[in-house]
PDB file of N, CA and C in Angstrom:
ATOM      1  N   MET A   1     -52.945  91.643 -86.015  1.00  0.00           N
ATOM      2  CA  MET A   1     -54.091  92.020 -86.823  1.00  0.00           C
ATOM      3  C   MET A   1     -54.811  93.222 -86.221  1.00  0.00           C
ATOM      4  N   LEU A   2     -55.035  93.203 -84.910  1.00  0.00           N
ATOM      5  CA  LEU A   2     -55.750  94.301 -84.274  1.00  0.00           C
ATOM      6  C   LEU A   2     -54.880  95.528 -84.064  1.00  0.00           C
ATOM      7  N   ASN A   3     -53.586  95.407 -84.271  1.00  0.00           N
ATOM      8  CA  ASN A   3     -52.692  96.537 -84.073  1.00  0.00           C
ATOM      9  C   ASN A   3     -52.863  97.606 -85.150  1.00  0.00           C
ATOM     10  N   ASN A   4     -53.375  97.255 -86.309  1.00  0.00           N
ATOM     11  CA  ASN A   4     -53.447  98.191 -87.433  1.00  0.00           C
ATOM     12  C   ASN A   4     -54.864  98.636 -87.756  1.00  0.00           C
ATOM     13  N   ILE A   5     -55.768  98.634 -86.788  1.00  0.00           N
ATOM     14  CA  ILE A   5     -57.151  99.042 -87.067  1.00  0.00           C
ATOM     15  C   ILE A   5     -57.205 100.539 -87.352  1.00  0.00           C
ATOM     16  N   GLY A   6     -56.702 101.343 -86.470  1.00  0.00           N
ATOM     17  CA  GLY A   6     -56.680 102.786 -86.666  1.00  0.00           C
ATOM     18  C   GLY A   6     -58.033 103.433 -86.449  1.00  0.00           C
ATOM     19  N   LEU A   7     -58.071 104.740 -86.599  1.00  0.00           N
ATOM     20  CA  LEU A   7     -59.289 105.516 -86.386  1.00  0.00           C
ATOM     21  C   LEU A   7     -60.366 105.217 -87.422  1.00  0.00           C
ATOM     22  N   PRO A   8     -60.047 105.133 -88.714  1.00  0.00           N
ATOM     23  CA  PRO A   8     -61.111 104.821 -89.684  1.00  0.00           C
ATOM     24  C   PRO A   8     -61.769 103.458 -89.420  1.00  0.00           C
ATOM     25  N   GLY A   9     -60.988 102.486 -89.027  1.00  0.00           N
ATOM     26  CA  GLY A   9     -61.546 101.172 -88.722  1.00  0.00           C
ATOM     27  C   GLY A   9     -62.458 101.205 -87.517  1.00  0.00           C
ATOM     28  N   LEU A  10     -62.056 101.944 -86.485  1.00  0.00           N
ATOM     29  CA  LEU A  10     -62.892 102.066 -85.298  1.00  0.00           C
ATOM     30  C   LEU A  10     -64.199 102.793 -85.609  1.00  0.00           C
ATOM     31  N   LEU A  11     -64.138 103.823 -86.435  1.00  0.00           N
ATOM     32  CA  LEU A  11     -65.353 104.540 -86.823  1.00  0.00           C
ATOM     33  C   LEU A  11     -66.281 103.638 -87.627  1.00  0.00           C
ATOM     34  N   LEU A  12     -65.725 102.834 -88.512  1.00  0.00           N
ATOM     35  CA  LEU A  12     -66.536 101.915 -89.299  1.00  0.00           C
ATOM     36  C   LEU A  12     -67.223 100.890 -88.388  1.00  0.00           C
ATOM     37  N   ILE A  13     -66.496 100.366 -87.423  1.00  0.00           N
ATOM     38  CA  ILE A  13     -67.077  99.413 -86.475  1.00  0.00           C
ATOM     39  C   ILE A  13     -68.193 100.080 -85.674  1.00  0.00           C
ATOM     40  N   ALA A  14     -67.979 101.313 -85.229  1.00  0.00           N
ATOM     41  CA  ALA A  14     -68.997 102.037 -84.456  1.00  0.00           C
ATOM     42  C   ALA A  14     -70.258 102.257 -85.283  1.00  0.00           C
ATOM     43  N   VAL A  15     -70.106 102.610 -86.558  1.00  0.00           N
ATOM     44  CA  VAL A  15     -71.264 102.842 -87.428  1.00  0.00           C
ATOM     45  C   VAL A  15     -72.028 101.537 -87.647  1.00  0.00           C
ATOM     46  N   VAL A  16     -71.312 100.446 -87.863  1.00  0.00           N
ATOM     47  CA  VAL A  16     -71.974  99.151 -88.079  1.00  0.00           C
ATOM     48  C   VAL A  16     -72.750  98.733 -86.835  1.00  0.00           C
ATOM     49  N   VAL A  17     -72.147  98.899 -85.664  1.00  0.00           N
ATOM     50  CA  VAL A  17     -72.833  98.548 -84.412  1.00  0.00           C
ATOM     51  C   VAL A  17     -74.061  99.426 -84.219  1.00  0.00           C
ATOM     52  N   LEU A  18     -73.943 100.704 -84.521  1.00  0.00           N
ATOM     53  CA  LEU A  18     -75.076 101.621 -84.389  1.00  0.00           C
ATOM     54  C   LEU A  18     -76.206 101.233 -85.327  1.00  0.00           C
ATOM     55  N   VAL A  19     -75.896 100.867 -86.545  1.00  0.00           N
ATOM     56  CA  VAL A  19     -76.922 100.470 -87.509  1.00  0.00           C
ATOM     57  C   VAL A  19     -77.586  99.158 -87.079  1.00  0.00           C
ATOM     58  N   LEU A  20     -76.797  98.215 -86.598  1.00  0.00           N
ATOM     59  CA  LEU A  20     -77.353  96.915 -86.218  1.00  0.00           C
ATOM     60  C   LEU A  20     -78.235  96.987 -84.979  1.00  0.00           C
ATOM     61  N   PHE A  21     -77.806  97.691 -83.964  1.00  0.00           N
ATOM     62  CA  PHE A  21     -78.524  97.679 -82.696  1.00  0.00           C
ATOM     63  C   PHE A  21     -79.423  98.884 -82.468  1.00  0.00           C
ATOM     64  N   GLY A  22     -79.174  99.983 -83.117  1.00  0.00           N
ATOM     65  CA  GLY A  22     -79.990 101.169 -82.910  1.00  0.00           C
ATOM     66  C   GLY A  22     -79.519 101.995 -81.730  1.00  0.00           C
ATOM     67  N   ARG A  23     -79.853 103.273 -81.787  1.00  0.00           N
ATOM     68  CA  ARG A  23     -79.380 104.201 -80.763  1.00  0.00           C
ATOM     69  C   ARG A  23     -79.959 103.889 -79.388  1.00  0.00           C
ATOM     70  N   GLY A  24     -81.234 103.530 -79.324  1.00  0.00           N
ATOM     71  CA  GLY A  24     -81.885 103.277 -78.039  1.00  0.00           C
ATOM     72  C   GLY A  24     -81.302 102.078 -77.319  1.00  0.00           C
ATOM     73  N   LYS A  25     -81.044 101.023 -78.073  1.00  0.00           N
ATOM     74  CA  LYS A  25     -80.502  99.809 -77.470  1.00  0.00           C
ATOM     75  C   LYS A  25     -79.092 100.050 -76.937  1.00  0.00           C
ATOM     76  N   ILE A  26     -78.286 100.775 -77.686  1.00  0.00           N
ATOM     77  CA  ILE A  26     -76.910 101.056 -77.263  1.00  0.00           C
ATOM     78  C   ILE A  26     -76.899 101.956 -76.037  1.00  0.00           C
ATOM     79  N   SER A  27     -77.762 102.974 -76.009  1.00  0.00           N
ATOM     80  CA  SER A  27     -77.772 103.877 -74.857  1.00  0.00           C
ATOM     81  C   SER A  27     -78.241 103.154 -73.597  1.00  0.00           C
ATOM     82  N   SER A  28     -79.213 102.251 -73.729  1.00  0.00           N
ATOM     83  CA  SER A  28     -79.648 101.507 -72.540  1.00  0.00           C
ATOM     84  C   SER A  28     -78.559 100.538 -72.083  1.00  0.00           C
ATOM     85  N   LEU A  29     -77.850  99.957 -73.035  1.00  0.00           N
ATOM     86  CA  LEU A  29     -76.748  99.062 -72.683  1.00  0.00           C
ATOM     87  C   LEU A  29     -75.640  99.818 -71.963  1.00  0.00           C
ATOM     88  N   MET A  30     -75.296 100.997 -72.439  1.00  0.00           N
ATOM     89  CA  MET A  30     -74.254 101.792 -71.783  1.00  0.00           C
ATOM     90  C   MET A  30     -74.704 102.250 -70.398  1.00  0.00           C
ATOM     91  N   GLY A  31     -75.996 102.513 -70.234  1.00  0.00           N
ATOM     92  CA  GLY A  31     -76.515 102.862 -68.909  1.00  0.00           C
ATOM     93  C   GLY A  31     -76.342 101.714 -67.929  1.00  0.00           C
ATOM     94  N   GLU A  32     -76.610 100.501 -68.397  1.00  0.00           N
ATOM     95  CA  GLU A  32     -76.432  99.326 -67.545  1.00  0.00           C
ATOM     96  C   GLU A  32     -74.964  99.102 -67.217  1.00  0.00           C
ATOM     97  N   VAL A  33     -74.088  99.337 -68.168  1.00  0.00           N
ATOM     98  CA  VAL A  33     -72.648  99.209 -67.908  1.00  0.00           C
ATOM     99  C   VAL A  33     -72.222 100.227 -66.851  1.00  0.00           C
ATOM    100  N   GLY A  34     -72.723 101.443 -66.957  1.00  0.00           N
ATOM    101  CA  GLY A  34     -72.408 102.472 -65.964  1.00  0.00           C
ATOM    102  C   GLY A  34     -72.896 102.098 -64.573  1.00  0.00           C
ATOM    103  N   LYS A  35     -74.100 101.535 -64.490  1.00  0.00           N
ATOM    104  CA  LYS A  35     -74.618 101.092 -63.190  1.00  0.00           C
ATOM    105  C   LYS A  35     -73.762  99.976 -62.614  1.00  0.00           C
ATOM    106  N   GLY A  36     -73.311  99.083 -63.475  1.00  0.00           N
ATOM    107  CA  GLY A  36     -72.454  97.985 -63.016  1.00  0.00           C
ATOM    108  C   GLY A  36     -71.128  98.485 -62.481  1.00  0.00           C
ATOM    109  N   ILE A  37     -70.534  99.450 -63.172  1.00  0.00           N
ATOM    110  CA  ILE A  37     -69.268 100.021 -62.719  1.00  0.00           C
ATOM    111  C   ILE A  37     -69.453 100.732 -61.385  1.00  0.00           C
ATOM    112  N   THR A  38     -70.557 101.464 -61.247  1.00  0.00           N
ATOM    113  CA  THR A  38     -70.842 102.166 -60.002  1.00  0.00           C
ATOM    114  C   THR A  38     -71.016 101.173 -58.854  1.00  0.00           C
ATOM    115  N   ALA A  39     -71.753 100.091 -59.099  1.00  0.00           N
ATOM    116  CA  ALA A  39     -71.957  99.084 -58.056  1.00  0.00           C
ATOM    117  C   ALA A  39     -70.637  98.421 -57.675  1.00  0.00           C
ATOM    118  N   PHE A  40     -69.782  98.160 -58.653  1.00  0.00           N
ATOM    119  CA  PHE A  40     -68.480  97.555 -58.373  1.00  0.00           C
ATOM    120  C   PHE A  40     -67.630  98.481 -57.516  1.00  0.00           C
ATOM    121  N   LYS A  41     -67.581  99.763 -57.869  1.00  0.00           N
ATOM    122  CA  LYS A  41     -66.800 100.725 -57.090  1.00  0.00           C
ATOM    123  C   LYS A  41     -67.337 100.836 -55.666  1.00  0.00           C
ATOM    124  N   ARG A  42     -68.665 100.825 -55.520  1.00  0.00           N
ATOM    125  CA  ARG A  42     -69.263 100.909 -54.192  1.00  0.00           C
ATOM    126  C   ARG A  42     -68.901  99.676 -53.368  1.00  0.00           C
ATOM    127  N   GLY A  43     -68.915  98.503 -53.979  1.00  0.00           N
ATOM    128  CA  GLY A  43     -68.552  97.277 -53.277  1.00  0.00           C
ATOM    129  C   GLY A  43     -67.103  97.276 -52.834  1.00  0.00           C
ATOM    130  N   VAL A  44     -66.222  97.758 -53.696  1.00  0.00           N
ATOM    131  CA  VAL A  44     -64.808  97.827 -53.336  1.00  0.00           C
ATOM    132  C   VAL A  44     -64.606  98.800 -52.182  1.00  0.00           C
ATOM    133  N   LYS A  45     -65.289  99.931 -52.247  1.00  0.00           N
ATOM    134  CA  LYS A  45     -65.163 100.931 -51.181  1.00  0.00           C
ATOM    135  C   LYS A  45     -65.685 100.379 -49.855  1.00  0.00           C
ATOM    136  N   ASP A  46     -66.838  99.707 -49.893  1.00  0.00           N
ATOM    137  CA  ASP A  46     -67.409  99.148 -48.670  1.00  0.00           C
ATOM    138  C   ASP A  46     -66.512  98.081 -48.065  1.00  0.00           C
ATOM    139  N   SER A  47     -65.967  97.224 -48.920  1.00  0.00           N
ATOM    140  CA  SER A  47     -65.101  96.171 -48.382  1.00  0.00           C
ATOM    141  C   SER A  47     -63.804  96.753 -47.835  1.00  0.00           C
ATOM    142  N   THR A  48     -63.282  97.799 -48.469  1.00  0.00           N
ATOM    143  CA  THR A  48     -62.076  98.445 -47.966  1.00  0.00           C
ATOM    144  C   THR A  48     -62.338  99.067 -46.596  1.00  0.00           C
ATOM    145  N   GLU A  49     -63.497  99.724 -46.460  1.00  0.00           N
ATOM    146  CA  GLU A  49     -63.847 100.316 -45.172  1.00  0.00           C
ATOM    147  C   GLU A  49     -64.022  99.235 -44.108  1.00  0.00           C
ATOM    148  N   GLU A  50     -64.608  98.108 -44.486  1.00  0.00           N
ATOM    149  CA  GLU A  50     -64.809  97.017 -43.536  1.00  0.00           C
ATOM    150  C   GLU A  50     -63.474  96.429 -43.081  1.00  0.00           C
ATOM    151  N   ILE A  51     -62.544  96.291 -44.016  1.00  0.00           N
ATOM    152  CA  ILE A  51     -61.222  95.770 -43.665  1.00  0.00           C
ATOM    153  C   ILE A  51     -60.497  96.736 -42.745  1.00  0.00           C
ATOM    154  N   GLU A  52     -60.579  98.037 -43.052  1.00  0.00           N
ATOM    155  CA  GLU A  52     -59.927  99.030 -42.199  1.00  0.00           C
ATOM    156  C   GLU A  52     -60.560  99.045 -40.812  1.00  0.00           C
ATOM    157  N   LYS A  53     -61.880  98.905 -40.755  1.00  0.00           N
ATOM    158  CA  LYS A  53     -62.565  98.894 -39.470  1.00  0.00           C
ATOM    159  C   LYS A  53     -62.146  97.675 -38.656  1.00  0.00           C
ATOM    160  N   ALA A  54     -62.027  96.538 -39.286  1.00  0.00           N
ATOM    161  CA  ALA A  54     -61.611  95.322 -38.593  1.00  0.00           C
ATOM    162  C   ALA A  54     -60.155  95.435 -38.150  1.00  0.00           C
ATOM    163  N   GLY A  55     -59.355  96.186 -38.873  1.00  0.00           N
ATOM    164  CA  GLY A  55     -57.950  96.338 -38.532  1.00  0.00           C
ATOM    165  C   GLY A  55     -57.726  97.211 -37.315  1.00  0.00           C
ATOM    166  N   GLU A  56     -58.730  97.979 -36.886  1.00  0.00           N
ATOM    167  CA  GLU A  56     -58.567  98.850 -35.728  1.00  0.00           C
ATOM    168  C   GLU A  56     -58.494  98.062 -34.422  1.00  0.00           C
ATOM    169  N   THR A  57     -59.105  96.904 -34.382  1.00  0.00           N
ATOM    170  CA  THR A  57     -59.088  96.100 -33.169  1.00  0.00           C
ATOM    171  C   THR A  57     -58.398  94.770 -33.475  1.00  0.00           C
ATOM    172  N   PRO A  58     -57.074  94.784 -33.492  1.00  0.00           N
ATOM    173  CA  PRO A  58     -56.366  93.542 -33.798  1.00  0.00           C
ATOM    174  C   PRO A  58     -56.517  92.544 -32.657  1.00  0.00           C
ATOM    175  N   ARG A  59     -56.549  91.283 -33.021  1.00  0.00           N
ATOM    176  CA  ARG A  59     -56.640  90.246 -32.010  1.00  0.00           C
ATOM    177  C   ARG A  59     -55.563  89.208 -32.283  1.00  0.00           C
ATOM    178  N   ASP A  60     -55.145  88.573 -31.226  1.00  0.00           N
ATOM    179  CA  ASP A  60     -54.080  87.582 -31.323  1.00  0.00           C
ATOM    180  C   ASP A  60     -54.688  86.242 -31.712  1.00  0.00           C
ATOM    181  N   VAL A  61     -54.313  85.729 -32.865  1.00  0.00           N
ATOM    182  CA  VAL A  61     -54.821  84.447 -33.323  1.00  0.00           C
ATOM    183  C   VAL A  61     -53.720  83.390 -33.348  1.00  0.00           C
ATOM    184  N   THR A  62     -52.608  83.695 -32.660  1.00  0.00           N
ATOM    185  CA  THR A  62     -51.504  82.752 -32.602  1.00  0.00           C
ATOM    186  C   THR A  62     -51.875  81.586 -31.720  1.00  0.00           C
ATOM    187  N   PRO A  63     -51.680  80.355 -32.183  1.00  0.00           N
ATOM    188  CA  PRO A  63     -52.025  79.207 -31.328  1.00  0.00           C
ATOM    189  C   PRO A  63     -51.121  79.157 -30.102  1.00  0.00           C
ATOM    190  N   GLN A  64     -51.712  78.877 -28.969  1.00  0.00           N
ATOM    191  CA  GLN A  64     -50.957  78.811 -27.714  1.00  0.00           C
ATOM    192  C   GLN A  64     -50.337  77.422 -27.595  1.00  0.00           C
ATOM    193  N   PRO A  65     -49.082  77.351 -27.166  1.00  0.00           N
ATOM    194  CA  PRO A  65     -48.433  76.039 -27.018  1.00  0.00           C
ATOM    195  C   PRO A  65     -49.092  75.268 -25.871  1.00  0.00           C
ATOM    196  N   GLU A  66     -49.293  73.973 -26.132  1.00  0.00           N
ATOM    197  CA  GLU A  66     -49.878  73.134 -25.097  1.00  0.00           C
ATOM    198  C   GLU A  66     -48.792  72.713 -24.113  1.00  0.00           C
ATOM    199  N   LYS A  67     -49.158  72.644 -22.827  1.00  0.00           N
ATOM    200  CA  LYS A  67     -48.198  72.281 -21.794  1.00  0.00           C
ATOM    201  C   LYS A  67     -48.269  70.784 -21.527  1.00  0.00           C
ATOM    202  N   ASP A  68     -47.134  70.156 -21.372  1.00  0.00           N
ATOM    203  CA  ASP A  68     -46.978  68.760 -20.959  1.00  0.00           C
ATOM    204  C   ASP A  68     -47.872  67.803 -21.760  1.00  0.00           C
ATOM    205  N   LYS A  69     -47.639  67.727 -23.045  1.00  0.00           N
ATOM    206  CA  LYS A  69     -48.356  66.743 -23.855  1.00  0.00           C
ATOM    207  C   LYS A  69     -47.833  65.346 -23.522  1.00  0.00           C
ATOM    208  N   VAL A  70     -48.735  64.456 -23.188  1.00  0.00           N
ATOM    209  CA  VAL A  70     -48.321  63.085 -22.844  1.00  0.00           C
ATOM    210  C   VAL A  70     -48.980  62.120 -23.779  1.00  0.00           C
TER     211      VAL A  70
END
């Protein structure tokens, strides 16, 4: 069903959304979406840097065998 929408269908949907919500509401919503995307990208970048920083000082976490278990 959604495969055959085409450009005229998308334009009609855009016009209906614009009429229902108004230009101001849509622009503020898109601004919030942009802020969310920016925050997500910043979080991914920070976590990647943190992982790389932690990888510079590797530590041995292999359990040591116990001697003479009785």
